[in-house]
N, C-alpha and C. Protein backbone atom coordinates (compact mmCIF):
# COMPACT_ATOMS: atom_id res chain seq x y z
N UNK A 1 3.81 13.26 -30.13
CA UNK A 1 2.50 13.07 -29.54
C UNK A 1 2.64 12.22 -28.27
N UNK A 2 2.08 12.69 -27.20
CA UNK A 2 2.17 11.99 -25.92
C UNK A 2 1.16 10.84 -25.87
N UNK A 3 1.60 9.77 -25.28
CA UNK A 3 0.73 8.61 -25.13
C UNK A 3 -0.22 8.84 -23.96
N UNK A 4 -1.50 8.56 -24.17
CA UNK A 4 -2.48 8.73 -23.11
C UNK A 4 -2.35 7.62 -22.09
N UNK A 5 -2.49 8.00 -20.84
CA UNK A 5 -2.50 7.01 -19.77
C UNK A 5 -3.91 6.49 -19.61
N UNK A 6 -4.04 5.19 -19.50
CA UNK A 6 -5.37 4.65 -19.24
C UNK A 6 -5.60 4.53 -17.74
N UNK A 7 -6.77 4.15 -17.35
CA UNK A 7 -7.14 4.10 -15.94
C UNK A 7 -6.33 3.11 -15.13
N UNK A 8 -5.91 2.03 -15.78
CA UNK A 8 -5.14 1.01 -15.06
C UNK A 8 -3.78 1.55 -14.64
N UNK A 9 -3.13 2.31 -15.52
CA UNK A 9 -1.83 2.88 -15.18
C UNK A 9 -1.94 3.86 -14.02
N UNK A 10 -2.96 4.71 -14.07
CA UNK A 10 -3.15 5.67 -12.99
C UNK A 10 -3.49 4.98 -11.68
N UNK A 11 -4.29 3.92 -11.77
CA UNK A 11 -4.62 3.17 -10.56
C UNK A 11 -3.37 2.59 -9.93
N UNK A 12 -2.50 2.01 -10.75
CA UNK A 12 -1.29 1.40 -10.21
C UNK A 12 -0.35 2.44 -9.62
N UNK A 13 -0.21 3.58 -10.27
CA UNK A 13 0.67 4.63 -9.75
C UNK A 13 0.18 5.12 -8.40
N UNK A 14 -1.09 5.53 -8.33
CA UNK A 14 -1.61 6.04 -7.07
C UNK A 14 -1.78 4.94 -6.03
N UNK A 15 -2.05 3.73 -6.47
CA UNK A 15 -2.15 2.60 -5.54
C UNK A 15 -0.82 2.30 -4.88
N UNK A 16 0.27 2.37 -5.65
CA UNK A 16 1.60 2.12 -5.08
C UNK A 16 2.00 3.25 -4.13
N UNK A 17 1.65 4.48 -4.47
CA UNK A 17 1.93 5.60 -3.57
C UNK A 17 1.15 5.44 -2.27
N UNK A 18 -0.11 5.06 -2.38
CA UNK A 18 -0.94 4.85 -1.20
C UNK A 18 -0.39 3.71 -0.34
N UNK A 19 0.01 2.62 -0.98
CA UNK A 19 0.53 1.47 -0.26
C UNK A 19 1.82 1.82 0.48
N UNK A 20 2.72 2.54 -0.19
CA UNK A 20 3.98 2.92 0.45
C UNK A 20 3.75 3.86 1.62
N UNK A 21 2.89 4.85 1.44
CA UNK A 21 2.66 5.80 2.53
C UNK A 21 1.95 5.14 3.71
N UNK A 22 1.01 4.25 3.45
CA UNK A 22 0.34 3.53 4.53
C UNK A 22 1.32 2.63 5.27
N UNK A 23 2.22 2.00 4.54
CA UNK A 23 3.24 1.16 5.17
C UNK A 23 4.14 1.95 6.10
N UNK A 24 4.57 3.15 5.65
CA UNK A 24 5.40 4.00 6.49
C UNK A 24 4.64 4.46 7.73
N UNK A 25 3.38 4.83 7.55
CA UNK A 25 2.58 5.29 8.69
C UNK A 25 2.42 4.18 9.72
N UNK A 26 2.09 2.99 9.26
CA UNK A 26 1.93 1.85 10.19
C UNK A 26 3.24 1.56 10.90
N UNK A 27 4.35 1.58 10.16
CA UNK A 27 5.65 1.30 10.76
C UNK A 27 5.99 2.31 11.85
N UNK A 28 5.81 3.60 11.56
CA UNK A 28 6.18 4.61 12.53
C UNK A 28 5.25 4.62 13.75
N UNK A 29 3.98 4.31 13.55
CA UNK A 29 3.07 4.22 14.70
C UNK A 29 3.45 3.04 15.59
N UNK A 30 3.71 1.89 14.97
CA UNK A 30 4.10 0.73 15.77
C UNK A 30 5.46 0.94 16.42
N UNK A 31 6.34 1.66 15.75
CA UNK A 31 7.66 1.93 16.31
C UNK A 31 7.57 2.84 17.53
N UNK A 32 6.63 3.78 17.50
CA UNK A 32 6.49 4.70 18.63
C UNK A 32 5.85 4.02 19.85
N UNK A 33 5.08 2.96 19.61
CA UNK A 33 4.44 2.27 20.73
C UNK A 33 5.39 1.38 21.51
N UNK A 34 6.42 0.87 20.85
CA UNK A 34 7.42 0.00 21.47
C UNK A 34 6.81 -1.21 22.17
N UNK A 35 5.77 -1.80 21.58
CA UNK A 35 5.13 -2.95 22.21
C UNK A 35 5.45 -4.26 21.52
N UNK A 36 5.85 -4.21 20.25
CA UNK A 36 6.14 -5.44 19.51
C UNK A 36 7.54 -5.33 18.92
N UNK A 37 8.08 -6.46 18.49
CA UNK A 37 9.43 -6.50 17.96
C UNK A 37 9.55 -5.88 16.58
N UNK A 38 10.78 -5.64 16.18
CA UNK A 38 11.06 -5.00 14.89
C UNK A 38 10.61 -5.86 13.72
N UNK A 39 10.82 -7.17 13.81
CA UNK A 39 10.42 -8.04 12.71
C UNK A 39 8.91 -8.04 12.51
N UNK A 40 8.15 -8.00 13.59
CA UNK A 40 6.69 -7.95 13.50
C UNK A 40 6.23 -6.61 12.94
N UNK A 41 6.90 -5.52 13.31
CA UNK A 41 6.57 -4.20 12.76
C UNK A 41 6.76 -4.18 11.25
N UNK A 42 7.86 -4.74 10.79
CA UNK A 42 8.15 -4.75 9.35
C UNK A 42 7.13 -5.60 8.60
N UNK A 43 6.82 -6.77 9.15
CA UNK A 43 5.86 -7.66 8.50
C UNK A 43 4.48 -7.00 8.42
N UNK A 44 4.02 -6.42 9.52
CA UNK A 44 2.70 -5.79 9.52
C UNK A 44 2.65 -4.57 8.61
N UNK A 45 3.74 -3.80 8.56
CA UNK A 45 3.73 -2.60 7.73
C UNK A 45 3.89 -2.94 6.25
N UNK A 46 4.24 -4.17 5.92
CA UNK A 46 4.31 -4.58 4.51
C UNK A 46 3.07 -5.37 4.08
N UNK A 47 2.67 -6.32 4.90
CA UNK A 47 1.58 -7.23 4.52
C UNK A 47 0.23 -6.51 4.43
N UNK A 48 -0.10 -5.68 5.42
CA UNK A 48 -1.41 -5.03 5.41
C UNK A 48 -1.61 -4.11 4.21
N UNK A 49 -0.67 -3.20 3.90
CA UNK A 49 -0.88 -2.34 2.73
C UNK A 49 -0.90 -3.11 1.40
N UNK A 50 -0.09 -4.15 1.29
CA UNK A 50 -0.10 -4.94 0.05
C UNK A 50 -1.43 -5.68 -0.09
N UNK A 51 -1.94 -6.24 1.00
CA UNK A 51 -3.24 -6.89 0.97
C UNK A 51 -4.33 -5.91 0.58
N UNK A 52 -4.26 -4.69 1.10
CA UNK A 52 -5.23 -3.65 0.76
C UNK A 52 -5.15 -3.30 -0.72
N UNK A 53 -3.94 -3.19 -1.26
CA UNK A 53 -3.76 -2.88 -2.69
C UNK A 53 -4.34 -3.99 -3.56
N UNK A 54 -4.10 -5.23 -3.20
CA UNK A 54 -4.64 -6.36 -3.96
C UNK A 54 -6.16 -6.35 -3.92
N UNK A 55 -6.74 -6.08 -2.76
CA UNK A 55 -8.19 -6.03 -2.63
C UNK A 55 -8.79 -4.91 -3.47
N UNK A 56 -8.17 -3.73 -3.42
CA UNK A 56 -8.66 -2.61 -4.23
C UNK A 56 -8.53 -2.91 -5.72
N UNK A 57 -7.46 -3.57 -6.11
CA UNK A 57 -7.27 -3.90 -7.52
C UNK A 57 -8.32 -4.91 -7.99
N UNK A 58 -8.65 -5.87 -7.15
CA UNK A 58 -9.69 -6.84 -7.52
C UNK A 58 -11.05 -6.14 -7.66
N UNK A 59 -11.34 -5.19 -6.77
CA UNK A 59 -12.59 -4.42 -6.88
C UNK A 59 -12.56 -3.58 -8.14
N UNK A 60 -11.40 -2.97 -8.46
CA UNK A 60 -11.27 -2.13 -9.65
C UNK A 60 -11.47 -2.94 -10.93
N UNK A 61 -10.99 -4.19 -10.95
CA UNK A 61 -11.14 -5.02 -12.15
C UNK A 61 -12.60 -5.39 -12.42
N UNK A 62 -13.42 -5.46 -11.37
CA UNK A 62 -14.82 -5.83 -11.57
C UNK A 62 -15.64 -4.72 -12.19
N UNK A 63 -15.15 -3.47 -12.11
CA UNK A 63 -15.92 -2.35 -12.67
C UNK A 63 -15.79 -2.29 -14.16
């Protein structure tokens, strides 16, 4: 018998996929602009999606 996935598991799976894809998109857009350094590109492409995931998770917990 397969174990049912609850909403929290699905949220985390799709949230991590969304965070990773958004991070890659931000990195490649900033990389194509060539206006800021590599360290700033990496920081922005990591911090913003993680902050978004945390915010969405806090909203999800209130429901």
